[in-house]
Amino acid sequence: MTTQSIFVAFVGHSLIARGPAAAIARAAHAAQGDAAALLIFDAATSAPLDLDLRGSADEAAARAEQMFAPEATRGRGRPKLGVVAHEVTLLPRHWDWLRAQPGGASIALRKLVEAATRDPRQEARRAQEAAYKFMHAIGGDLPDFEEAARALFARDGETFAARLAIWPQDIRAHALALAQPAFVQPGTTP
């Protein structure tokens, strides 16, 4: 099962839409005439999204939806799982260890990667990066930006929230939501 990517669209300092790419494309299409800048981000990673808004809102939505359509499955056999082959260079003792693992090298590597992605320290780092990327793109010229960024990377949630207190509501709310996992101490619940 694939999860649908969620995006956020801002015109100036106001959030105009949150949802899948097609919904964002419709909202962005309607906001094209606004004088303020239109910025669209992946809601989780803050990666920017550049949509083709030419034509009608329905055409723009269809193109956006196509960008994120799941890959088709093969006719016979196992469905295409998105597995990609890449070269990995390891020392002989590493290959020996991988070959000795139940299921072989590929399964052992997948398990190691999955375990690393669930590590709370990695989640905190991803939250810091996503929040900073968003803040820099949309609020880099706002008051206390540098102080807020320092507090974010120092994992000081109280100071971070205080520095964002004077920011526009929509930007503040999204930045706080993105950064929240960075302030959770390992072994505690948010």
N, C-alpha and C. Protein backbone atom coordinates (compact mmCIF):
# COMPACT_ATOMS: atom_id res chain seq x y z
N MET A 1 0.84 -1.18 0.00
CA MET A 1 0.00 0.00 0.00
C MET A 1 0.88 1.24 0.00
N THR A 2 0.61 2.14 -0.92
CA THR A 2 1.38 3.37 -0.97
C THR A 2 0.60 4.48 -0.28
N THR A 3 1.32 5.36 0.36
CA THR A 3 0.68 6.50 0.99
C THR A 3 0.77 7.68 0.04
N GLN A 4 -0.28 8.46 0.04
CA GLN A 4 -0.33 9.62 -0.84
C GLN A 4 0.43 10.77 -0.21
N SER A 5 1.26 11.42 -0.98
CA SER A 5 2.01 12.57 -0.49
C SER A 5 1.05 13.73 -0.22
N ILE A 6 1.33 14.45 0.85
CA ILE A 6 0.54 15.62 1.22
C ILE A 6 1.43 16.85 1.06
N PHE A 7 0.84 17.90 0.51
CA PHE A 7 1.55 19.13 0.24
C PHE A 7 0.85 20.31 0.91
N VAL A 8 1.57 21.40 1.07
CA VAL A 8 1.00 22.64 1.57
C VAL A 8 1.34 23.74 0.57
N ALA A 9 0.39 24.65 0.38
CA ALA A 9 0.60 25.78 -0.52
C ALA A 9 0.39 27.07 0.26
N PHE A 10 1.32 27.98 0.09
CA PHE A 10 1.25 29.29 0.74
C PHE A 10 1.26 30.37 -0.33
N VAL A 11 0.44 31.37 -0.14
CA VAL A 11 0.51 32.60 -0.93
C VAL A 11 0.95 33.67 0.06
N GLY A 12 2.14 34.16 -0.15
CA GLY A 12 2.71 35.08 0.82
C GLY A 12 2.89 34.34 2.14
N HIS A 13 2.29 34.84 3.19
CA HIS A 13 2.41 34.22 4.51
C HIS A 13 1.16 33.45 4.91
N SER A 14 0.24 33.22 3.94
CA SER A 14 -1.02 32.55 4.25
C SER A 14 -1.07 31.16 3.62
N LEU A 15 -1.46 30.20 4.43
CA LEU A 15 -1.69 28.84 3.94
C LEU A 15 -3.00 28.84 3.17
N ILE A 16 -2.95 28.42 1.89
CA ILE A 16 -4.18 28.40 1.09
C ILE A 16 -4.69 26.98 0.88
N ALA A 17 -3.84 25.98 1.04
CA ALA A 17 -4.31 24.60 0.83
C ALA A 17 -3.34 23.62 1.45
N ARG A 18 -3.92 22.47 1.85
CA ARG A 18 -3.15 21.34 2.36
C ARG A 18 -3.84 20.11 1.83
N GLY A 19 -3.06 19.22 1.18
CA GLY A 19 -3.67 18.01 0.65
C GLY A 19 -2.82 17.37 -0.42
N PRO A 20 -3.43 16.46 -1.18
CA PRO A 20 -2.70 15.79 -2.26
C PRO A 20 -2.39 16.77 -3.41
N ALA A 21 -1.51 16.35 -4.28
CA ALA A 21 -1.01 17.23 -5.35
C ALA A 21 -2.12 17.83 -6.20
N ALA A 22 -3.14 17.04 -6.54
CA ALA A 22 -4.22 17.55 -7.39
C ALA A 22 -4.98 18.69 -6.71
N ALA A 23 -5.27 18.54 -5.43
CA ALA A 23 -5.98 19.59 -4.69
C ALA A 23 -5.11 20.85 -4.58
N ILE A 24 -3.83 20.64 -4.37
CA ILE A 24 -2.91 21.78 -4.29
C ILE A 24 -2.84 22.49 -5.63
N ALA A 25 -2.82 21.73 -6.72
CA ALA A 25 -2.76 22.33 -8.05
C ALA A 25 -3.99 23.20 -8.31
N ARG A 26 -5.16 22.72 -7.90
CA ARG A 26 -6.38 23.51 -8.09
C ARG A 26 -6.31 24.82 -7.29
N ALA A 27 -5.90 24.73 -6.04
CA ALA A 27 -5.79 25.93 -5.20
C ALA A 27 -4.73 26.88 -5.75
N ALA A 28 -3.60 26.34 -6.17
CA ALA A 28 -2.52 27.17 -6.72
C ALA A 28 -2.96 27.83 -8.02
N HIS A 29 -3.72 27.09 -8.84
CA HIS A 29 -4.21 27.64 -10.10
C HIS A 29 -5.10 28.84 -9.84
N ALA A 30 -5.96 28.73 -8.83
CA ALA A 30 -6.86 29.83 -8.48
C ALA A 30 -6.11 31.02 -7.91
N ALA A 31 -4.97 30.78 -7.28
CA ALA A 31 -4.21 31.86 -6.63
C ALA A 31 -3.16 32.48 -7.54
N GLN A 32 -3.07 32.06 -8.78
CA GLN A 32 -2.01 32.55 -9.67
C GLN A 32 -1.99 34.06 -9.83
N GLY A 33 -3.12 34.71 -9.77
CA GLY A 33 -3.16 36.15 -9.99
C GLY A 33 -2.75 36.98 -8.78
N ASP A 34 -2.61 36.34 -7.63
CA ASP A 34 -2.23 37.08 -6.42
C ASP A 34 -0.84 37.68 -6.58
N ALA A 35 -0.66 38.84 -5.99
CA ALA A 35 0.62 39.53 -6.09
C ALA A 35 1.70 38.85 -5.25
N ALA A 36 1.30 38.19 -4.15
CA ALA A 36 2.27 37.54 -3.26
C ALA A 36 2.80 36.26 -3.89
N ALA A 37 3.95 35.86 -3.44
CA ALA A 37 4.60 34.66 -3.98
C ALA A 37 3.81 33.41 -3.62
N LEU A 38 3.74 32.49 -4.55
CA LEU A 38 3.11 31.19 -4.34
C LEU A 38 4.22 30.17 -4.10
N LEU A 39 4.20 29.53 -2.94
CA LEU A 39 5.19 28.51 -2.60
C LEU A 39 4.47 27.24 -2.21
N ILE A 40 4.95 26.11 -2.75
CA ILE A 40 4.35 24.81 -2.45
C ILE A 40 5.45 23.90 -1.93
N PHE A 41 5.13 23.18 -0.82
CA PHE A 41 6.10 22.31 -0.17
C PHE A 41 5.49 20.94 0.10
N ASP A 42 6.35 19.91 0.10
CA ASP A 42 5.95 18.63 0.66
C ASP A 42 5.70 18.89 2.14
N ALA A 43 4.56 18.47 2.66
CA ALA A 43 4.19 18.80 4.04
C ALA A 43 5.10 18.15 5.06
N ALA A 44 5.73 17.03 4.71
CA ALA A 44 6.58 16.32 5.67
C ALA A 44 8.05 16.70 5.57
N THR A 45 8.55 16.92 4.35
CA THR A 45 9.99 17.14 4.17
C THR A 45 10.35 18.58 3.83
N SER A 46 9.37 19.37 3.45
CA SER A 46 9.55 20.75 3.00
C SER A 46 10.27 20.85 1.65
N ALA A 47 10.33 19.74 0.92
CA ALA A 47 10.87 19.80 -0.44
C ALA A 47 9.92 20.66 -1.27
N PRO A 48 10.46 21.59 -2.06
CA PRO A 48 9.58 22.43 -2.87
C PRO A 48 8.94 21.63 -4.00
N LEU A 49 7.75 22.02 -4.37
CA LEU A 49 7.04 21.37 -5.48
C LEU A 49 6.78 22.43 -6.53
N ASP A 50 7.18 22.14 -7.74
CA ASP A 50 6.96 23.04 -8.86
C ASP A 50 5.89 22.42 -9.74
N LEU A 51 4.74 23.03 -9.80
CA LEU A 51 3.63 22.50 -10.59
C LEU A 51 3.47 23.28 -11.89
N ASP A 52 3.04 22.56 -12.91
CA ASP A 52 2.71 23.16 -14.19
C ASP A 52 1.25 23.61 -14.10
N LEU A 53 1.02 24.90 -13.98
CA LEU A 53 -0.33 25.42 -13.77
C LEU A 53 -0.96 25.98 -15.05
N ARG A 54 -0.38 25.64 -16.20
CA ARG A 54 -0.94 26.12 -17.46
C ARG A 54 -2.30 25.47 -17.71
N GLY A 55 -3.12 26.15 -18.52
CA GLY A 55 -4.43 25.61 -18.88
C GLY A 55 -5.43 25.79 -17.76
N SER A 56 -6.43 24.91 -17.75
CA SER A 56 -7.48 25.01 -16.74
C SER A 56 -7.01 24.39 -15.42
N ALA A 57 -7.80 24.64 -14.38
CA ALA A 57 -7.50 24.05 -13.06
C ALA A 57 -7.55 22.53 -13.13
N ASP A 58 -8.49 21.99 -13.91
CA ASP A 58 -8.60 20.53 -14.04
C ASP A 58 -7.39 19.95 -14.76
N GLU A 59 -6.89 20.65 -15.77
CA GLU A 59 -5.69 20.19 -16.48
C GLU A 59 -4.47 20.22 -15.56
N ALA A 60 -4.34 21.29 -14.80
CA ALA A 60 -3.22 21.40 -13.85
C ALA A 60 -3.31 20.29 -12.80
N ALA A 61 -4.53 20.03 -12.30
CA ALA A 61 -4.72 18.97 -11.30
C ALA A 61 -4.39 17.61 -11.88
N ALA A 62 -4.78 17.37 -13.13
CA ALA A 62 -4.48 16.07 -13.77
C ALA A 62 -2.97 15.88 -13.93
N ARG A 63 -2.25 16.94 -14.33
CA ARG A 63 -0.80 16.83 -14.45
C ARG A 63 -0.15 16.58 -13.09
N ALA A 64 -0.64 17.27 -12.06
CA ALA A 64 -0.09 17.09 -10.71
C ALA A 64 -0.35 15.67 -10.22
N GLU A 65 -1.55 15.17 -10.47
CA GLU A 65 -1.90 13.81 -10.06
C GLU A 65 -1.02 12.78 -10.77
N GLN A 66 -0.75 13.02 -12.03
CA GLN A 66 0.09 12.11 -12.82
C GLN A 66 1.52 12.07 -12.29
N MET A 67 2.00 13.20 -11.76
CA MET A 67 3.36 13.25 -11.21
C MET A 67 3.53 12.25 -10.07
N PHE A 68 2.45 11.99 -9.33
CA PHE A 68 2.55 11.16 -8.14
C PHE A 68 1.75 9.87 -8.25
N ALA A 69 1.37 9.50 -9.48
CA ALA A 69 0.64 8.25 -9.68
C ALA A 69 1.56 7.07 -9.38
N PRO A 70 1.04 6.03 -8.69
CA PRO A 70 1.88 4.87 -8.42
C PRO A 70 2.26 4.17 -9.72
N GLU A 71 3.44 3.56 -9.70
CA GLU A 71 3.89 2.85 -10.88
C GLU A 71 2.99 1.65 -11.14
N ALA A 72 2.81 1.33 -12.41
CA ALA A 72 1.96 0.19 -12.77
C ALA A 72 2.62 -1.11 -12.35
N THR A 73 1.80 -2.11 -12.18
CA THR A 73 2.33 -3.43 -11.84
C THR A 73 2.59 -4.20 -13.12
N ARG A 74 3.44 -5.19 -13.03
CA ARG A 74 3.72 -6.03 -14.18
C ARG A 74 2.53 -6.94 -14.45
N GLY A 75 2.42 -7.43 -15.65
CA GLY A 75 1.31 -8.30 -16.03
C GLY A 75 1.31 -9.61 -15.26
N ARG A 76 2.41 -10.33 -15.23
CA ARG A 76 2.48 -11.62 -14.56
C ARG A 76 3.51 -11.54 -13.45
N GLY A 77 3.38 -12.42 -12.51
CA GLY A 77 4.38 -12.51 -11.46
C GLY A 77 4.14 -11.49 -10.37
N ARG A 78 5.21 -11.20 -9.63
CA ARG A 78 5.10 -10.28 -8.50
C ARG A 78 4.89 -8.86 -8.98
N PRO A 79 4.15 -8.07 -8.22
CA PRO A 79 4.01 -6.66 -8.61
C PRO A 79 5.34 -5.94 -8.50
N LYS A 80 5.48 -4.91 -9.27
CA LYS A 80 6.70 -4.11 -9.21
C LYS A 80 6.74 -3.41 -7.86
N LEU A 81 7.74 -3.69 -7.06
CA LEU A 81 7.81 -3.18 -5.70
C LEU A 81 8.64 -1.91 -5.58
N GLY A 82 9.20 -1.46 -6.66
CA GLY A 82 10.03 -0.28 -6.58
C GLY A 82 11.45 -0.58 -6.15
N VAL A 83 11.84 -1.86 -6.22
CA VAL A 83 13.19 -2.25 -5.85
C VAL A 83 14.15 -1.75 -6.91
N VAL A 84 15.22 -1.14 -6.48
CA VAL A 84 16.21 -0.58 -7.39
C VAL A 84 17.57 -1.17 -7.04
N ALA A 85 18.28 -1.62 -8.06
CA ALA A 85 19.61 -2.18 -7.83
C ALA A 85 20.66 -1.07 -7.91
N HIS A 86 21.57 -1.07 -6.94
CA HIS A 86 22.71 -0.16 -6.93
C HIS A 86 23.93 -0.93 -6.48
N GLU A 87 25.08 -0.42 -6.83
CA GLU A 87 26.31 -1.07 -6.41
C GLU A 87 26.65 -0.68 -4.98
N VAL A 88 27.07 -1.68 -4.21
CA VAL A 88 27.51 -1.45 -2.84
C VAL A 88 28.92 -1.99 -2.72
N THR A 89 29.82 -1.20 -2.21
CA THR A 89 31.20 -1.62 -2.06
C THR A 89 31.49 -1.84 -0.57
N LEU A 90 31.85 -3.08 -0.24
CA LEU A 90 32.15 -3.44 1.15
C LEU A 90 33.43 -4.24 1.21
N LEU A 91 33.99 -4.33 2.38
CA LEU A 91 35.16 -5.18 2.60
C LEU A 91 34.72 -6.65 2.60
N PRO A 92 35.62 -7.57 2.30
CA PRO A 92 35.25 -8.99 2.28
C PRO A 92 34.61 -9.47 3.58
N ARG A 93 35.08 -9.00 4.72
CA ARG A 93 34.48 -9.46 5.98
C ARG A 93 33.04 -8.99 6.13
N HIS A 94 32.72 -7.83 5.53
CA HIS A 94 31.34 -7.34 5.55
C HIS A 94 30.45 -8.21 4.67
N TRP A 95 30.95 -8.58 3.49
CA TRP A 95 30.19 -9.47 2.62
C TRP A 95 29.99 -10.82 3.30
N ASP A 96 31.01 -11.30 3.97
CA ASP A 96 30.89 -12.60 4.67
C ASP A 96 29.78 -12.52 5.72
N TRP A 97 29.75 -11.43 6.48
CA TRP A 97 28.73 -11.28 7.51
C TRP A 97 27.34 -11.21 6.88
N LEU A 98 27.21 -10.41 5.79
CA LEU A 98 25.91 -10.28 5.13
C LEU A 98 25.42 -11.61 4.57
N ARG A 99 26.31 -12.38 3.95
CA ARG A 99 25.92 -13.68 3.38
C ARG A 99 25.48 -14.65 4.47
N ALA A 100 26.00 -14.51 5.67
CA ALA A 100 25.66 -15.43 6.77
C ALA A 100 24.32 -15.08 7.43
N GLN A 101 23.74 -13.94 7.09
CA GLN A 101 22.48 -13.52 7.71
C GLN A 101 21.31 -14.27 7.09
N PRO A 102 20.27 -14.56 7.88
CA PRO A 102 19.09 -15.23 7.34
C PRO A 102 18.49 -14.41 6.21
N GLY A 103 18.27 -15.02 5.09
CA GLY A 103 17.70 -14.33 3.93
C GLY A 103 18.73 -13.71 3.01
N GLY A 104 19.98 -13.65 3.43
CA GLY A 104 21.03 -13.13 2.56
C GLY A 104 21.28 -11.64 2.73
N ALA A 105 22.15 -11.15 1.86
CA ALA A 105 22.63 -9.78 1.96
C ALA A 105 21.53 -8.74 1.77
N SER A 106 20.65 -8.92 0.79
CA SER A 106 19.63 -7.91 0.51
C SER A 106 18.68 -7.73 1.68
N ILE A 107 18.22 -8.83 2.25
CA ILE A 107 17.30 -8.73 3.37
C ILE A 107 17.99 -8.12 4.58
N ALA A 108 19.23 -8.52 4.84
CA ALA A 108 19.97 -7.97 5.98
C ALA A 108 20.15 -6.46 5.82
N LEU A 109 20.50 -6.01 4.62
CA LEU A 109 20.67 -4.58 4.38
C LEU A 109 19.36 -3.83 4.54
N ARG A 110 18.25 -4.41 4.02
CA ARG A 110 16.95 -3.76 4.18
C ARG A 110 16.58 -3.61 5.64
N LYS A 111 16.84 -4.66 6.43
CA LYS A 111 16.52 -4.61 7.87
C LYS A 111 17.36 -3.55 8.57
N LEU A 112 18.64 -3.45 8.21
CA LEU A 112 19.49 -2.43 8.82
C LEU A 112 19.00 -1.02 8.48
N VAL A 113 18.63 -0.82 7.23
CA VAL A 113 18.13 0.49 6.81
C VAL A 113 16.82 0.83 7.52
N GLU A 114 15.91 -0.14 7.59
CA GLU A 114 14.63 0.09 8.26
C GLU A 114 14.84 0.44 9.74
N ALA A 115 15.74 -0.28 10.40
CA ALA A 115 16.02 0.00 11.81
C ALA A 115 16.59 1.40 11.98
N ALA A 116 17.47 1.80 11.08
CA ALA A 116 18.08 3.13 11.17
C ALA A 116 17.04 4.23 10.93
N THR A 117 16.08 3.99 10.03
CA THR A 117 15.07 5.02 9.75
C THR A 117 14.09 5.18 10.90
N ARG A 118 13.97 4.19 11.76
CA ARG A 118 13.08 4.29 12.92
C ARG A 118 13.80 4.82 14.16
N ASP A 119 15.07 5.08 14.06
CA ASP A 119 15.85 5.61 15.18
C ASP A 119 15.36 7.01 15.50
N PRO A 120 14.96 7.28 16.76
CA PRO A 120 14.44 8.60 17.12
C PRO A 120 15.41 9.74 16.83
N ARG A 121 16.70 9.47 16.90
CA ARG A 121 17.67 10.54 16.60
C ARG A 121 17.58 10.93 15.13
N GLN A 122 17.34 9.95 14.26
CA GLN A 122 17.19 10.25 12.83
C GLN A 122 15.91 11.01 12.57
N GLU A 123 14.84 10.64 13.28
CA GLU A 123 13.57 11.35 13.14
C GLU A 123 13.73 12.81 13.58
N ALA A 124 14.44 13.02 14.67
CA ALA A 124 14.68 14.38 15.15
C ALA A 124 15.47 15.18 14.12
N ARG A 125 16.47 14.57 13.54
CA ARG A 125 17.29 15.25 12.52
C ARG A 125 16.47 15.59 11.28
N ARG A 126 15.62 14.64 10.84
CA ARG A 126 14.76 14.91 9.68
C ARG A 126 13.80 16.07 9.99
N ALA A 127 13.29 16.11 11.22
CA ALA A 127 12.38 17.19 11.61
C ALA A 127 13.10 18.53 11.59
N GLN A 128 14.32 18.56 12.11
CA GLN A 128 15.09 19.80 12.08
C GLN A 128 15.32 20.26 10.65
N GLU A 129 15.72 19.35 9.78
CA GLU A 129 16.00 19.70 8.39
C GLU A 129 14.75 20.20 7.68
N ALA A 130 13.60 19.51 7.89
CA ALA A 130 12.36 19.92 7.23
C ALA A 130 11.91 21.30 7.73
N ALA A 131 11.97 21.51 9.04
CA ALA A 131 11.56 22.80 9.59
C ALA A 131 12.48 23.92 9.10
N TYR A 132 13.78 23.68 9.11
CA TYR A 132 14.71 24.71 8.66
C TYR A 132 14.51 25.03 7.18
N LYS A 133 14.34 24.00 6.37
CA LYS A 133 14.14 24.21 4.93
C LYS A 133 12.90 25.08 4.68
N PHE A 134 11.82 24.76 5.39
CA PHE A 134 10.58 25.53 5.25
C PHE A 134 10.79 26.97 5.74
N MET A 135 11.35 27.11 6.94
CA MET A 135 11.55 28.44 7.52
C MET A 135 12.44 29.30 6.64
N HIS A 136 13.49 28.73 6.11
CA HIS A 136 14.42 29.49 5.28
C HIS A 136 13.75 29.95 3.99
N ALA A 137 12.95 29.06 3.38
CA ALA A 137 12.32 29.39 2.10
C ALA A 137 11.24 30.45 2.24
N ILE A 138 10.47 30.38 3.31
CA ILE A 138 9.32 31.27 3.42
C ILE A 138 9.50 32.37 4.45
N GLY A 139 10.39 32.14 5.44
CA GLY A 139 10.51 33.11 6.51
C GLY A 139 11.92 33.57 6.79
N GLY A 140 12.82 33.37 5.84
CA GLY A 140 14.21 33.75 6.05
C GLY A 140 14.41 35.23 6.33
N ASP A 141 13.43 36.05 5.94
CA ASP A 141 13.54 37.49 6.19
C ASP A 141 12.67 37.95 7.35
N LEU A 142 12.05 37.00 8.06
CA LEU A 142 11.20 37.36 9.19
C LEU A 142 12.04 37.64 10.43
N PRO A 143 11.51 38.42 11.36
CA PRO A 143 12.26 38.74 12.59
C PRO A 143 12.61 37.46 13.37
N ASP A 144 13.78 37.48 13.96
CA ASP A 144 14.27 36.38 14.80
C ASP A 144 14.48 35.06 14.06
N PHE A 145 14.59 35.11 12.72
CA PHE A 145 14.82 33.86 11.97
C PHE A 145 16.08 33.15 12.45
N GLU A 146 17.19 33.88 12.55
CA GLU A 146 18.45 33.24 12.93
C GLU A 146 18.39 32.67 14.34
N GLU A 147 17.77 33.39 15.24
CA GLU A 147 17.65 32.91 16.62
C GLU A 147 16.76 31.66 16.68
N ALA A 148 15.69 31.67 15.88
CA ALA A 148 14.81 30.50 15.83
C ALA A 148 15.56 29.30 15.27
N ALA A 149 16.36 29.52 14.24
CA ALA A 149 17.13 28.43 13.65
C ALA A 149 18.14 27.87 14.66
N ARG A 150 18.79 28.75 15.40
CA ARG A 150 19.73 28.28 16.43
C ARG A 150 19.01 27.43 17.48
N ALA A 151 17.84 27.89 17.91
CA ALA A 151 17.07 27.14 18.92
C ALA A 151 16.62 25.80 18.35
N LEU A 152 16.25 25.77 17.08
CA LEU A 152 15.84 24.52 16.44
C LEU A 152 16.96 23.49 16.48
N PHE A 153 18.16 23.90 16.09
CA PHE A 153 19.27 22.95 16.05
C PHE A 153 19.86 22.66 17.43
N ALA A 154 19.57 23.53 18.39
CA ALA A 154 19.97 23.26 19.78
C ALA A 154 18.92 22.39 20.48
N ARG A 155 17.83 22.12 19.79
CA ARG A 155 16.71 21.31 20.30
C ARG A 155 16.09 21.97 21.53
N ASP A 156 15.97 23.29 21.47
CA ASP A 156 15.38 24.09 22.53
C ASP A 156 13.98 24.53 22.07
N GLY A 157 12.99 23.69 22.33
CA GLY A 157 11.64 23.94 21.86
C GLY A 157 11.00 25.19 22.43
N GLU A 158 11.29 25.50 23.66
CA GLU A 158 10.71 26.67 24.30
C GLU A 158 11.19 27.96 23.63
N THR A 159 12.49 28.07 23.43
CA THR A 159 13.04 29.25 22.76
C THR A 159 12.59 29.31 21.31
N PHE A 160 12.54 28.17 20.65
CA PHE A 160 12.09 28.11 19.26
C PHE A 160 10.68 28.69 19.14
N ALA A 161 9.77 28.21 19.99
CA ALA A 161 8.39 28.69 19.95
C ALA A 161 8.32 30.18 20.28
N ALA A 162 9.13 30.63 21.23
CA ALA A 162 9.12 32.04 21.61
C ALA A 162 9.58 32.92 20.44
N ARG A 163 10.60 32.47 19.71
CA ARG A 163 11.11 33.25 18.58
C ARG A 163 10.10 33.31 17.43
N LEU A 164 9.27 32.28 17.31
CA LEU A 164 8.28 32.25 16.23
C LEU A 164 6.98 32.96 16.62
N ALA A 165 6.85 33.36 17.87
CA ALA A 165 5.60 33.93 18.36
C ALA A 165 5.12 35.13 17.56
N ILE A 166 6.03 35.92 17.01
CA ILE A 166 5.62 37.11 16.26
C ILE A 166 5.49 36.84 14.76
N TRP A 167 5.73 35.62 14.32
CA TRP A 167 5.61 35.27 12.90
C TRP A 167 4.14 35.14 12.52
N PRO A 168 3.82 35.27 11.24
CA PRO A 168 2.44 35.08 10.80
C PRO A 168 1.93 33.69 11.23
N GLN A 169 0.67 33.65 11.63
CA GLN A 169 0.06 32.46 12.22
C GLN A 169 0.28 31.19 11.38
N ASP A 170 -0.01 31.21 10.08
CA ASP A 170 0.08 30.00 9.27
C ASP A 170 1.52 29.48 9.17
N ILE A 171 2.46 30.39 9.02
CA ILE A 171 3.87 29.98 8.95
C ILE A 171 4.32 29.43 10.29
N ARG A 172 3.97 30.12 11.36
CA ARG A 172 4.33 29.67 12.70
C ARG A 172 3.77 28.27 12.98
N ALA A 173 2.49 28.07 12.69
CA ALA A 173 1.85 26.77 12.97
C ALA A 173 2.52 25.65 12.19
N HIS A 174 2.83 25.87 10.92
CA HIS A 174 3.45 24.81 10.12
C HIS A 174 4.88 24.55 10.59
N ALA A 175 5.63 25.59 10.87
CA ALA A 175 7.01 25.41 11.34
C ALA A 175 7.05 24.67 12.67
N LEU A 176 6.14 25.02 13.58
CA LEU A 176 6.09 24.32 14.87
C LEU A 176 5.72 22.85 14.70
N ALA A 177 4.78 22.57 13.80
CA ALA A 177 4.39 21.17 13.56
C ALA A 177 5.54 20.37 12.95
N LEU A 178 6.26 20.97 12.01
CA LEU A 178 7.40 20.29 11.41
C LEU A 178 8.49 20.00 12.43
N ALA A 179 8.75 20.96 13.29
CA ALA A 179 9.87 20.87 14.23
C ALA A 179 9.58 20.02 15.45
N GLN A 180 8.33 19.78 15.77
CA GLN A 180 7.95 19.13 17.02
C GLN A 180 8.73 17.84 17.30
N PRO A 181 8.92 16.93 16.35
CA PRO A 181 9.69 15.71 16.66
C PRO A 181 11.15 15.99 17.06
N ALA A 182 11.68 17.14 16.71
CA ALA A 182 13.06 17.47 17.08
C ALA A 182 13.19 17.75 18.56
N PHE A 183 12.09 18.09 19.21
CA PHE A 183 12.14 18.46 20.62
C PHE A 183 11.73 17.32 21.55
N VAL A 184 11.34 16.18 20.98
CA VAL A 184 10.96 15.03 21.80
C VAL A 184 12.23 14.29 22.19
N GLN A 185 12.40 14.08 23.47
CA GLN A 185 13.58 13.36 23.95
C GLN A 185 13.37 11.87 23.72
N PRO A 186 14.41 11.14 23.27
CA PRO A 186 14.27 9.70 23.06
C PRO A 186 13.74 9.03 24.32
N GLY A 187 12.78 8.12 24.12
CA GLY A 187 12.20 7.38 25.24
C GLY A 187 11.00 8.05 25.86
N THR A 188 10.62 9.26 25.35
CA THR A 188 9.43 9.94 25.85
C THR A 188 8.40 10.03 24.74
N THR A 189 7.20 10.32 25.09
CA THR A 189 6.15 10.49 24.08
C THR A 189 5.85 11.97 23.97
N PRO A 190 5.47 12.42 22.74
CA PRO A 190 5.20 13.85 22.55
C PRO A 190 4.00 14.32 23.32
